[in-house]
């Protein structure tokens, strides 16, 4: 009898959990994105940009939307740390790949890192969001500007949740 009630309680009150990788080469703005998401969608306040230091290893952020938990894994992007990325692929449900749009000299490095991510078999079929970050600088890509306003982040999360099959608009 206990297991019946426990199962019903768990069904009614549990939340689905999805893991989202935030990848990109160093200094692309991955941790800033994570802190912005955390500050917009949780009661915790994210770090201000001037207090963010390069990630050595991993930063984790948790956000609850509706009946779903999104766990963001922000992995360090230095060349020496990229080899650990694949250890997280198997459990990832989606990937956000961040590119520093203000630094064209690093596009080739970013492209090769992204290609390596896309070739990995554990990520086949996983939704991918490519975010061109830092487009407020004076030398920009010709692509539409992406500004991290609350509305844009909400839209990105909804699109990601649609791709994961969590939310239908």
Protein backbone atom coordinates (compact mmCIF):
# COMPACT_ATOMS: atom_id res chain seq x y z
CA UNK A 1 0.00 0.00 0.00
CA UNK A 2 2.86 2.36 0.88
CA UNK A 3 4.47 1.83 -2.52
CA UNK A 4 1.18 2.69 -4.25
CA UNK A 5 0.91 6.02 -2.41
CA UNK A 6 4.61 6.73 -2.84
CA UNK A 7 4.34 6.08 -6.57
CA UNK A 8 1.31 8.37 -6.84
CA UNK A 9 3.04 11.10 -4.81
CA UNK A 10 6.17 10.81 -6.91
CA UNK A 11 4.15 10.99 -10.13
CA UNK A 12 2.22 14.05 -8.97
CA UNK A 13 5.09 16.07 -7.51
CA UNK A 14 8.30 15.00 -9.22
CA UNK A 15 9.88 17.11 -11.91
CA UNK A 16 11.58 15.92 -15.07
CA UNK A 17 15.27 16.83 -15.14
CA UNK A 18 17.22 17.70 -18.26
CA UNK A 19 20.95 18.36 -18.54
CA UNK A 20 22.11 21.13 -20.87
CA UNK A 21 25.80 21.56 -21.74
CA UNK A 22 27.13 25.08 -22.26
CA UNK A 23 30.20 24.70 -24.46
CA UNK A 24 32.53 26.97 -26.42
CA UNK A 25 36.16 28.01 -26.42
CA UNK A 26 37.59 30.08 -23.56
CA UNK A 27 36.40 33.67 -23.09
CA UNK A 28 33.29 33.17 -25.26
CA UNK A 29 30.92 34.15 -22.44
CA UNK A 30 29.61 30.75 -21.30
CA UNK A 31 29.75 31.51 -17.58
CA UNK A 32 28.21 34.96 -18.12
CA UNK A 33 25.33 33.27 -19.96
CA UNK A 34 24.90 30.79 -17.11
CA UNK A 35 24.91 33.55 -14.49
CA UNK A 36 22.38 35.57 -16.51
CA UNK A 37 20.07 32.55 -16.79
CA UNK A 38 20.42 31.84 -13.06
CA UNK A 39 19.64 35.44 -12.13
CA UNK A 40 16.57 35.53 -14.36
CA UNK A 41 15.02 32.19 -13.44
CA UNK A 42 15.92 31.43 -9.86
CA UNK A 43 15.78 33.14 -6.51
CA UNK A 44 19.57 33.12 -6.41
CA UNK A 45 21.34 36.12 -7.79
CA UNK A 46 23.98 35.43 -10.43
CA UNK A 47 27.48 36.84 -10.29
CA UNK A 48 27.98 40.28 -11.80
CA UNK A 49 30.11 40.17 -14.99
CA UNK A 50 33.08 41.86 -13.34
CA UNK A 51 33.33 39.05 -10.75
CA UNK A 52 33.31 36.15 -13.23
CA UNK A 53 36.63 34.34 -13.60
CA UNK A 54 37.64 31.75 -16.22
CA UNK A 55 36.09 28.35 -15.57
CA UNK A 56 38.52 25.64 -14.58
CA UNK A 57 36.47 22.48 -14.79
CA UNK A 58 32.74 23.00 -14.35
CA UNK A 59 30.07 25.42 -13.15
CA UNK A 60 26.56 24.13 -12.50
CA UNK A 61 23.32 26.09 -12.60
CA UNK A 62 19.82 24.79 -11.86
CA UNK A 63 16.62 26.38 -13.11
CA UNK A 64 13.05 25.22 -12.61
CA UNK A 65 10.51 26.05 -15.29
CA UNK A 66 6.98 24.71 -14.99
CA UNK A 67 7.32 21.06 -13.91
CA UNK A 68 10.83 20.72 -15.31
CA UNK A 69 14.32 21.12 -13.87
CA UNK A 70 17.03 22.29 -16.23
CA UNK A 71 20.57 21.62 -15.05
CA UNK A 72 23.16 23.65 -16.95
CA UNK A 73 26.73 22.37 -17.06
CA UNK A 74 29.13 25.17 -18.02
CA UNK A 75 32.37 23.47 -19.00
CA UNK A 76 35.74 25.24 -19.21
CA UNK A 77 36.76 26.10 -22.78
CA UNK A 78 40.55 26.25 -22.54
CA UNK A 79 42.22 23.91 -25.02
CA UNK A 80 43.53 21.68 -22.23
CA UNK A 81 40.06 21.30 -20.70
CA UNK A 82 38.14 20.46 -23.88
CA UNK A 83 39.20 16.82 -23.61
CA UNK A 84 36.91 16.41 -20.57
CA UNK A 85 33.84 17.65 -22.46
CA UNK A 86 33.06 14.20 -23.86
CA UNK A 87 32.69 12.77 -20.35
CA UNK A 88 29.48 14.81 -20.05
CA UNK A 89 27.98 14.04 -23.48
CA UNK A 90 26.24 10.79 -22.55
CA UNK A 91 24.02 12.44 -19.92
CA UNK A 92 23.38 15.64 -21.90
CA UNK A 93 19.96 16.27 -23.40
CA UNK A 94 20.91 19.48 -25.26
CA UNK A 95 23.90 21.71 -26.04
CA UNK A 96 24.29 25.48 -26.10
CA UNK A 97 27.44 26.38 -28.01
CA UNK A 98 28.65 29.92 -27.35
CA UNK A 99 30.77 31.83 -29.88
CA UNK A 100 32.52 35.14 -29.19
CA UNK A 101 31.23 37.16 -32.14
CA UNK A 102 33.57 40.06 -31.33
CA UNK A 103 36.75 38.05 -32.01
CA UNK A 104 36.91 36.84 -35.64
CA UNK A 105 40.51 35.68 -35.15
CA UNK A 106 39.20 32.86 -32.93
CA UNK A 107 36.39 31.67 -35.23
CA UNK A 108 38.49 28.87 -36.71
CA UNK A 109 39.36 27.49 -33.27
CA UNK A 110 35.70 27.72 -32.25
CA UNK A 111 34.60 26.03 -35.48
CA UNK A 112 36.98 23.10 -35.03
CA UNK A 113 35.86 22.64 -31.39
CA UNK A 114 32.20 22.69 -32.49
CA UNK A 115 32.85 20.19 -35.29
CA UNK A 116 34.45 17.82 -32.80
CA UNK A 117 31.38 18.14 -30.54
CA UNK A 118 29.01 17.49 -33.45
CA UNK A 119 30.87 14.35 -34.54
CA UNK A 120 30.54 12.66 -31.15
CA UNK A 121 28.03 9.79 -31.24
CA UNK A 122 26.60 10.51 -27.75
CA UNK A 123 25.26 13.86 -28.95
CA UNK A 124 23.62 12.61 -32.14
CA UNK A 125 20.05 13.92 -32.18
CA UNK A 126 20.57 16.29 -29.22
CA UNK A 127 19.20 19.82 -29.80
CA UNK A 128 21.90 22.41 -30.45
CA UNK A 129 21.63 26.16 -29.90
CA UNK A 130 24.51 28.24 -31.27
CA UNK A 131 24.68 31.59 -29.52
CA UNK A 132 26.72 34.41 -31.07
CA UNK A 133 27.69 36.31 -27.93
CA UNK A 134 29.23 39.78 -27.42
CA UNK A 135 27.57 41.40 -30.40
CA UNK A 136 27.45 44.80 -28.74
CA UNK A 137 31.05 45.60 -29.69
CA UNK A 138 31.97 47.84 -32.62
CA UNK A 139 33.18 45.07 -34.98
CA UNK A 140 30.35 42.62 -35.35
CA UNK A 141 29.15 39.75 -37.45
CA UNK A 142 26.54 40.63 -40.05
CA UNK A 143 24.07 38.23 -38.37
CA UNK A 144 21.09 39.56 -36.38
CA UNK A 145 22.07 40.88 -32.97
CA UNK A 146 21.50 38.69 -29.97
CA UNK A 147 21.06 40.59 -26.73
CA UNK A 148 20.51 38.68 -23.49
CA UNK A 149 17.36 40.35 -22.30
CA UNK A 150 14.96 38.49 -20.03
CA UNK A 151 12.55 38.02 -22.96
CA UNK A 152 15.29 36.59 -25.23
CA UNK A 153 16.51 34.17 -22.56
CA UNK A 154 12.94 33.06 -21.91
CA UNK A 155 12.43 32.53 -25.64
CA UNK A 156 15.68 30.52 -25.87
CA UNK A 157 14.62 28.32 -22.95
CA UNK A 158 11.18 27.74 -24.46
CA UNK A 159 12.73 26.82 -27.81
CA UNK A 160 15.13 24.46 -26.09
CA UNK A 161 12.29 22.92 -24.10
CA UNK A 162 10.27 22.51 -27.31
CA UNK A 163 13.20 20.68 -28.88
CA UNK A 164 13.45 18.44 -25.84
CA UNK A 165 9.71 17.74 -26.04
CA UNK A 166 9.01 19.30 -22.64
CA UNK A 167 6.90 22.23 -23.73
CA UNK A 168 4.69 22.71 -26.73
CA UNK A 169 3.70 26.20 -27.78
